[in-house]
Structure formats: structure tokens, C-alpha cells
Amino acid sequence: MGKDLKSIAVLLTCYNRREKTLACLRSVYTSKELSNHSFAMEIYLTDDGSSDSTGKVVAQEYPGVHIISGHGNLYWTGGMRSSWLNALADGNYDGFLLLNDDTLLNDNCFNQLFETDDLSRRRYYASGIYIGSVIDPRTLKHTYGGSILRNKWTFQIEDIIPDGTIKECDFGNGNIMFVPRSVVDKIGILSNKYIHGKSDFDYTLRARKQGIPVLVCSDYCGYCARDHISPDFSDLTFRERLANLKSPKGVELHGYMHFMWSFFPLRAPFVFLSMWLKTLCPGCYKILNKSIRR
């Protein structure tokens, strides 16, 4: 990887999390400095209309960061696509590091990514997508990373906990995700069919369909608290449930159904009906869901 990976574009998007964004950027530069490998690095940050002066402060503290301005309607997927497209237009980078702006890289992150690519080339004779797992900075418990699908009907997903060995996964979170140029040339970037979530899962499943290895690094690569907790629908009013069903930061039904039809078409009709049952009658949904998972 060291011979082929001479330049990396780090991709982020942000919205009104100035201090977290700045802390994330500091961790990126520190991890690069402490890496055992030499490579050039450029950072692309889409500021999606922040009102807390995130873009302005970043430009002052890190004038080398490429800042792209949004209007507040890009959300995560749109913002990451914006950063990625700008990086592709600017240069012929050898790899792209997708990074959540509330994630802190640890000192060994880049070394972990290089190690994973070395194994991928030796074992699979090709580069793949590499997922860096993260832990909560306070509890030190696993939060995001790679996972495997245990049951496609109940959609039972099991997190992969790093144990010193590099493992294959089905799904990868975009908190820390490295994508070599060869993968982009083959499957493109994040899909525009999503607004906020699911695009990272979509991307790793598309890669696996094309025979591209998706691997979880052998050790943790950073820190990030779990920031998405699904609400109990029974505690919400009907209007709130309906809004959550359509919201980019809620269920985002349109994107969710696109995901299901693309990868689990036999399950898709049942998911559509269950999402509406959950919205119209959350009590009935709870009873049905509990009986199915027994």
C-alpha cells in the first residue's frame, strides 16, 4: 500500500458542531504525523450552512482545508457526496477516507488502514473497503464499525468487535471508512438515492456484490459516541410518527425502501407494511415484532 498510496483525500461534512469538527480535524493531522507511512493528504469539508461559523473558524485554524459551502439541505449523504465529488474534480487521489466530523482518530488509525490494505492485497489480490471501528470516549464501549448479517428476514445484525484479526463484514459504518481509488473506479461513490443514512451500508453491499472485499481493521481506529437512538414510536403522537417516517434523520422511508428493494427484495414488501403499521398502530407493531423475533 505504501508504494501505491501516495495521496489521500479525507472527506467530511458538518453542520453546527464547530468544536467537534475542530477536534476531529486535529486528530486527523495528529494521526498522519504519527503514521509509519509517508503520504500526501488533503482534507475536503462540506459545511452545510452552519450558523455557528464552523466553516469560517476552520478556514482560520486550518487554511489548507478545502471548504465547500452547502445550504442546509444536504444532510450526511449529500454532504459527503459533495466533498467526494470535489476531491475527484481536484486531483487523482489514490484513496479516500470518509470520516464523521464527530469522530476522533486515534494515533494508530492510518497504520491500521495500511495494515488492512496490505492484507487485502495479499489475501484477495485486490484492494477493498476498510472499516475502522470506534468506541465511546467515556464508556470505552463499541459504538460503530463493521457488522455481519445473521438473518436477512429479521434483519438481525451483529457487530464485529476488533480482536486483533482483520475480518470480513457485510455492512460498514461511514464513521471511518477508507476507499481506494480502484474501488471508486469500479462502483463509484455514495449513491444519490439516499439523503442522510443507509448510504454507507448500501456502499459496502454494492462492493460485496462486485467481489470487492470489505474488511474491518484488527484494532480500534478512533472514538465516537453513539448519537442515533431510535425513538419509541408508542411515545410519539401520530403526527410525530408520520414526520419521523419521512424525515431524513428518522426512518427516511423512501431511502430505506430503496435499500430494501436493492438488496433484500423478498423482504421489501413486508418492511413497507411494517413501517406503516409501526406508524399507524405502534402497539400492534410491537406485538407482531416480538412474536416474529422469538
Protein backbone atom coordinates (compact mmCIF):
# COMPACT_ATOMS: atom_id res chain seq x y z
CA MET A 1 0.00 0.00 0.00
CA GLY A 2 2.84 2.37 0.78
CA LYS A 3 4.07 2.26 -2.82
CA ASP A 4 0.64 2.78 -4.35
CA LEU A 5 -0.94 5.07 -1.79
CA LYS A 6 0.87 8.38 -2.15
CA SER A 7 -2.09 10.72 -1.73
CA ILE A 8 -5.26 10.57 0.36
CA ALA A 9 -8.31 12.83 0.34
CA VAL A 10 -10.09 13.00 3.70
CA LEU A 11 -13.82 13.66 3.28
CA LEU A 12 -16.12 15.25 5.87
CA THR A 13 -19.38 17.13 6.14
CA CYS A 14 -20.54 19.25 9.05
CA TYR A 15 -23.46 21.21 10.43
CA ASN A 16 -23.30 23.29 13.62
CA ARG A 17 -20.82 21.13 15.52
CA ARG A 18 -17.89 23.54 15.41
CA GLU A 19 -15.92 22.26 18.40
CA LYS A 20 -16.41 18.62 17.41
CA THR A 21 -15.38 19.38 13.83
CA LEU A 22 -12.22 21.17 15.00
CA ALA A 23 -11.35 18.32 17.37
CA CYS A 24 -11.84 15.83 14.53
CA LEU A 25 -9.52 17.77 12.25
CA ARG A 26 -6.85 17.97 14.95
CA SER A 27 -6.99 14.19 15.36
CA VAL A 28 -6.59 13.68 11.60
CA TYR A 29 -3.41 15.73 11.44
CA THR A 30 -2.01 14.07 14.58
CA SER A 31 -2.71 10.57 13.29
CA LYS A 32 -0.98 11.40 10.00
CA GLU A 33 2.08 12.80 11.78
CA LEU A 34 2.38 9.63 13.89
CA SER A 35 1.86 7.27 10.96
CA ASN A 36 4.68 4.93 9.95
CA HIS A 37 3.94 5.73 6.30
CA SER A 38 4.60 8.76 4.16
CA PHE A 39 1.74 10.15 2.07
CA ALA A 40 0.26 13.45 0.97
CA MET A 41 -3.11 14.40 2.44
CA GLU A 42 -5.80 16.92 1.52
CA ILE A 43 -9.00 17.49 3.51
CA TYR A 44 -12.38 18.31 1.95
CA LEU A 45 -15.10 19.61 4.27
CA THR A 46 -18.63 20.45 3.17
CA ASP A 47 -20.13 22.95 5.61
CA ASP A 48 -23.86 22.52 5.05
CA GLY A 49 -24.98 26.01 6.01
CA SER A 50 -23.76 26.04 9.62
CA SER A 51 -24.89 29.03 11.66
CA ASP A 52 -22.13 28.63 14.27
CA SER A 53 -19.34 29.83 11.94
CA THR A 54 -17.85 26.35 11.58
CA GLY A 55 -16.56 26.98 8.06
CA LYS A 56 -15.09 30.36 8.95
CA VAL A 57 -13.29 29.09 12.05
CA VAL A 58 -11.95 26.02 10.23
CA ALA A 59 -10.61 28.28 7.47
CA GLN A 60 -8.79 30.37 10.09
CA GLU A 61 -7.29 27.46 12.02
CA TYR A 62 -6.70 25.11 9.08
CA PRO A 63 -6.28 27.23 5.94
CA GLY A 64 -5.27 24.18 3.93
CA VAL A 65 -8.70 22.55 4.28
CA HIS A 66 -10.88 22.73 1.17
CA ILE A 67 -14.23 24.10 2.35
CA ILE A 68 -17.34 23.62 0.24
CA SER A 69 -20.49 25.52 1.19
CA GLY A 70 -23.94 23.94 1.34
CA HIS A 71 -27.36 25.43 2.04
CA GLY A 72 -28.55 23.23 4.89
CA ASN A 73 -30.34 20.56 2.85
CA LEU A 74 -27.52 18.11 2.09
CA TYR A 75 -27.53 16.07 5.31
CA TRP A 76 -24.85 13.37 5.75
CA THR A 77 -25.02 11.59 2.39
CA GLY A 78 -25.39 14.77 0.35
CA GLY A 79 -22.59 16.47 2.24
CA MET A 80 -20.23 13.52 1.87
CA ARG A 81 -21.04 13.25 -1.82
CA SER A 82 -20.28 16.96 -2.17
CA SER A 83 -16.85 16.55 -0.55
CA TRP A 84 -16.13 13.41 -2.58
CA LEU A 85 -17.10 14.96 -5.91
CA ASN A 86 -14.90 17.99 -5.21
CA ALA A 87 -11.96 15.77 -4.32
CA LEU A 88 -12.41 13.79 -7.53
CA ALA A 89 -12.53 17.01 -9.55
CA ASP A 90 -9.40 18.43 -7.91
CA GLY A 91 -6.96 15.58 -8.13
CA ASN A 92 -6.13 11.98 -8.89
CA TYR A 93 -6.04 10.75 -5.29
CA ASP A 94 -5.04 7.17 -4.53
CA GLY A 95 -7.58 6.78 -1.75
CA PHE A 96 -10.44 8.47 0.10
CA LEU A 97 -11.05 8.45 3.84
CA LEU A 98 -14.69 9.03 4.76
CA LEU A 99 -14.88 10.44 8.26
CA ASN A 100 -17.70 11.65 10.53
CA ASP A 101 -16.89 15.05 11.97
CA ASP A 102 -17.77 13.85 15.49
CA THR A 103 -15.16 11.09 15.27
CA LEU A 104 -11.66 11.34 16.69
CA LEU A 105 -8.94 9.27 15.04
CA ASN A 106 -6.53 7.59 17.40
CA ASP A 107 -2.77 7.76 16.83
CA ASN A 108 -2.69 4.38 15.11
CA CYS A 109 -5.57 4.86 12.66
CA PHE A 110 -3.61 5.30 9.46
CA ASN A 111 -1.29 2.44 10.40
CA GLN A 112 -4.36 0.21 10.85
CA LEU A 113 -5.69 1.18 7.42
CA PHE A 114 -2.34 0.49 5.76
CA GLU A 115 -2.11 -2.88 7.50
CA THR A 116 -5.61 -3.82 6.32
CA ASP A 117 -4.81 -2.89 2.74
CA ASP A 118 -1.63 -4.96 2.82
CA LEU A 119 -3.61 -8.00 3.93
CA SER A 120 -6.33 -7.36 1.33
CA ARG A 121 -3.77 -7.31 -1.47
CA ARG A 122 -2.10 -10.49 -0.24
CA ARG A 123 -5.25 -12.47 0.53
CA TYR A 124 -7.65 -11.22 -2.17
CA TYR A 125 -5.14 -9.87 -4.72
CA ALA A 126 -7.06 -6.58 -4.74
CA SER A 127 -7.73 -3.54 -2.61
CA GLY A 128 -11.05 -3.30 -0.79
CA ILE A 129 -13.03 -1.08 1.53
CA TYR A 130 -11.62 -0.80 5.05
CA ILE A 131 -13.75 -0.03 8.10
CA GLY A 132 -12.27 1.49 11.25
CA SER A 133 -14.19 0.63 14.41
CA VAL A 134 -14.76 3.26 17.09
CA ILE A 135 -15.56 3.26 20.79
CA ASP A 136 -17.39 5.68 23.05
CA PRO A 137 -14.74 8.01 24.56
CA ARG A 138 -16.38 7.86 28.01
CA THR A 139 -17.52 4.26 28.38
CA LEU A 140 -14.91 2.76 26.01
CA LYS A 141 -17.65 0.51 24.63
CA HIS A 142 -18.02 -0.35 20.95
CA THR A 143 -20.26 2.05 19.03
CA TYR A 144 -19.72 1.88 15.23
CA GLY A 145 -17.73 -0.18 12.74
CA GLY A 146 -18.41 -3.27 10.69
CA SER A 147 -21.16 -5.84 11.13
CA ILE A 148 -22.43 -9.06 9.64
CA LEU A 149 -25.97 -10.04 8.71
CA ARG A 150 -27.09 -13.05 10.76
CA ASN A 151 -30.68 -13.25 9.50
CA LYS A 152 -31.89 -11.50 6.37
CA TRP A 153 -35.57 -11.96 7.26
CA THR A 154 -35.48 -10.45 10.75
CA PHE A 155 -32.56 -8.23 9.72
CA GLN A 156 -30.52 -9.38 12.70
CA ILE A 157 -27.13 -7.65 12.54
CA GLU A 158 -24.14 -8.49 14.74
CA ASP A 159 -21.34 -6.02 15.35
CA ILE A 160 -17.79 -7.15 14.75
CA ILE A 161 -15.68 -6.42 17.82
CA PRO A 162 -12.00 -6.00 16.92
CA ASP A 163 -9.88 -8.76 18.46
CA GLY A 164 -6.53 -8.39 16.73
CA THR A 165 -7.53 -10.03 13.45
CA ILE A 166 -8.84 -8.44 10.25
CA LYS A 167 -12.33 -9.71 9.43
CA GLU A 168 -14.78 -9.51 6.54
CA CYS A 169 -18.08 -7.71 7.09
CA ASP A 170 -21.36 -7.13 5.26
CA PHE A 171 -22.11 -3.61 6.47
CA GLY A 172 -19.73 -0.81 7.30
CA ASN A 173 -20.47 2.47 9.06
CA GLY A 174 -19.08 5.61 7.46
CA ASN A 175 -17.58 6.96 10.69
CA ILE A 176 -14.18 5.74 9.47
CA MET A 177 -14.24 4.18 6.02
CA PHE A 178 -11.30 4.03 3.63
CA VAL A 179 -11.94 3.58 -0.10
CA PRO A 180 -9.03 3.10 -2.54
CA ARG A 181 -9.25 4.69 -5.98
CA SER A 182 -9.60 1.28 -7.65
CA VAL A 183 -12.90 0.75 -5.78
CA VAL A 184 -14.24 4.14 -6.85
CA ASP A 185 -13.31 3.37 -10.45
CA LYS A 186 -15.38 0.19 -10.20
CA ILE A 187 -18.51 1.17 -8.22
CA GLY A 188 -18.44 4.97 -7.97
CA ILE A 189 -19.19 6.89 -4.77
CA LEU A 190 -22.11 7.03 -2.31
CA SER A 191 -25.49 6.72 -4.01
CA ASN A 192 -27.66 9.81 -4.52
CA LYS A 193 -30.73 7.71 -3.73
CA TYR A 194 -30.24 8.50 -0.04
CA ILE A 195 -30.48 11.78 1.84
CA HIS A 196 -28.91 11.03 5.21
CA GLY A 197 -28.44 7.44 6.35
CA LYS A 198 -28.10 3.97 4.79
CA SER A 199 -25.74 5.12 2.02
CA ASP A 200 -22.72 3.66 3.83
CA PHE A 201 -24.46 0.27 4.18
CA ASP A 202 -25.53 0.49 0.54
CA TYR A 203 -21.94 1.20 -0.50
CA THR A 204 -20.43 -1.79 1.28
CA LEU A 205 -23.13 -4.15 0.00
CA ARG A 206 -22.62 -2.89 -3.56
CA ALA A 207 -18.92 -3.56 -3.16
CA ARG A 208 -19.50 -7.10 -1.95
CA LYS A 209 -21.80 -7.76 -4.92
CA GLN A 210 -18.90 -6.81 -7.17
CA GLY A 211 -16.48 -9.12 -5.35
CA ILE A 212 -14.68 -6.28 -3.59
CA PRO A 213 -13.52 -7.24 -0.07
CA VAL A 214 -14.98 -5.20 2.79
CA LEU A 215 -12.74 -5.58 5.83
CA VAL A 216 -12.77 -4.41 9.43
CA CYS A 217 -9.41 -3.31 10.83
CA SER A 218 -7.90 -5.54 13.52
CA ASP A 219 -8.00 -2.89 16.25
CA TYR A 220 -9.99 0.22 17.09
CA CYS A 221 -9.20 3.28 14.99
CA GLY A 222 -10.92 6.05 16.93
CA TYR A 223 -13.59 7.37 19.25
CA CYS A 224 -17.21 8.34 18.65
CA ALA A 225 -20.24 8.37 20.93
CA ARG A 226 -23.44 6.75 19.66
CA ASP A 227 -25.57 9.66 18.52
CA HIS A 228 -28.56 7.96 16.91
CA ILE A 229 -31.13 6.36 19.18
CA SER A 230 -34.43 5.40 17.59
CA PRO A 231 -37.42 6.79 19.46
CA ASP A 232 -40.12 4.56 20.94
CA PHE A 233 -42.95 5.17 18.47
CA SER A 234 -45.55 4.47 21.15
CA ASP A 235 -44.36 7.60 22.99
CA LEU A 236 -44.94 9.81 19.94
CA THR A 237 -48.12 11.39 18.63
CA PHE A 238 -49.40 10.28 15.24
CA ARG A 239 -48.15 13.49 13.67
CA GLU A 240 -44.69 12.93 15.18
CA ARG A 241 -44.63 9.32 13.98
CA LEU A 242 -45.58 10.37 10.47
CA ALA A 243 -42.89 13.07 10.47
CA ASN A 244 -40.30 10.53 11.68
CA LEU A 245 -41.29 8.13 8.91
CA LYS A 246 -40.47 10.74 6.27
CA SER A 247 -37.63 12.61 7.98
CA PRO A 248 -34.06 12.24 6.63
CA LYS A 249 -32.89 11.80 10.22
CA GLY A 250 -35.72 9.43 11.04
CA VAL A 251 -36.78 6.38 9.03
CA GLU A 252 -36.44 8.18 5.67
CA LEU A 253 -38.89 5.70 4.16
CA HIS A 254 -38.05 6.45 0.52
CA GLY A 255 -34.34 5.75 1.02
CA TYR A 256 -35.00 2.81 3.33
CA MET A 257 -37.24 1.14 0.76
CA HIS A 258 -34.69 1.76 -1.99
CA PHE A 259 -32.15 -0.04 0.21
CA MET A 260 -34.51 -2.97 0.78
CA TRP A 261 -35.54 -3.34 -2.87
CA SER A 262 -31.88 -3.19 -3.93
CA PHE A 263 -30.54 -5.86 -1.58
CA PHE A 264 -33.46 -7.69 0.08
CA PRO A 265 -36.30 -7.57 -2.47
CA LEU A 266 -38.23 -10.50 -0.98
CA ARG A 267 -38.31 -8.73 2.37
CA ALA A 268 -39.14 -5.29 0.97
CA PRO A 269 -43.00 -5.57 0.84
CA PHE A 270 -43.11 -6.76 4.46
CA VAL A 271 -40.84 -3.90 5.54
CA PHE A 272 -43.06 -1.36 3.80
CA LEU A 273 -46.17 -2.72 5.51
CA SER A 274 -44.45 -2.97 8.89
CA MET A 275 -43.22 0.63 8.73
CA TRP A 276 -46.75 1.86 8.12
CA LEU A 277 -48.11 -0.44 10.85
CA LYS A 278 -45.49 1.00 13.21
CA THR A 279 -46.68 4.49 12.30
CA LEU A 280 -50.42 3.86 12.38
CA CYS A 281 -50.56 1.40 15.29
CA PRO A 282 -47.26 1.12 17.20
CA GLY A 283 -48.81 -1.17 19.83
CA CYS A 284 -49.78 -3.74 17.20
CA TYR A 285 -46.32 -3.45 15.64
CA LYS A 286 -44.64 -4.21 18.97
CA ILE A 287 -46.70 -7.36 19.49
CA LEU A 288 -46.10 -8.59 15.92
CA ASN A 289 -42.39 -7.78 16.01
CA LYS A 290 -41.91 -9.58 19.32
CA SER A 291 -43.63 -12.75 18.03
CA ILE A 292 -41.54 -12.78 14.84
CA ARG A 293 -38.22 -12.46 16.70
CA ARG A 294 -38.94 -15.32 19.12
